[in-house]
Amino acid sequence: NLVHLGAFVGSVALMWMIRAVLSH
């Protein structure tokens, strides 16, 4: 499902953005 895939990619991108902010 394209919506599920978009939600998965969005959650991964959000996780990496939070990890980048916390590492700084």
C-alpha atoms as a PDB file:
ATOM      1  CA  ASN A   1       0.000   0.000   0.000  1.00  0.00           C
ATOM      2  CA  LEU A   2       1.432   3.368  -1.041  1.00  0.00           C
ATOM      3  CA  VAL A   3       0.048   5.185   2.020  1.00  0.00           C
ATOM      4  CA  HIS A   4       1.613   2.643   4.370  1.00  0.00           C
ATOM      5  CA  LEU A   5       4.927   2.928   2.536  1.00  0.00           C
ATOM      6  CA  GLY A   6       4.808   6.720   2.797  1.00  0.00           C
ATOM      7  CA  ALA A   7       4.076   6.521   6.520  1.00  0.00           C
ATOM      8  CA  PHE A   8       6.985   4.093   7.007  1.00  0.00           C
ATOM      9  CA  VAL A   9       9.420   6.314   5.074  1.00  0.00           C
ATOM     10  CA  GLY A  10       8.164   9.372   6.959  1.00  0.00           C
ATOM     11  CA  SER A  11       8.646   7.694  10.350  1.00  0.00           C
ATOM     12  CA  VAL A  12      12.176   6.591   9.420  1.00  0.00           C
ATOM     13  CA  ALA A  13      13.053  10.090   8.203  1.00  0.00           C
ATOM     14  CA  LEU A  14      11.639  11.556  11.434  1.00  0.00           C
ATOM     15  CA  MET A  15      13.645   9.105  13.531  1.00  0.00           C
ATOM     16  CA  TRP A  16      16.882   9.986  11.720  1.00  0.00           C
ATOM     17  CA  MET A  17      16.158  13.712  12.052  1.00  0.00           C
ATOM     18  CA  ILE A  18      15.607  13.310  15.819  1.00  0.00           C
ATOM     19  CA  ARG A  19      18.807  11.233  16.130  1.00  0.00           C
ATOM     20  CA  ALA A  20      20.760  13.911  14.239  1.00  0.00           C
ATOM     21  CA  VAL A  21      19.416  16.633  16.548  1.00  0.00           C
ATOM     22  CA  LEU A  22      20.143  14.626  19.706  1.00  0.00           C
ATOM     23  CA  SER A  23      23.687  13.751  18.593  1.00  0.00           C
ATOM     24  CA  HIS A  24      24.456  17.468  18.306  1.00  0.00           C
END
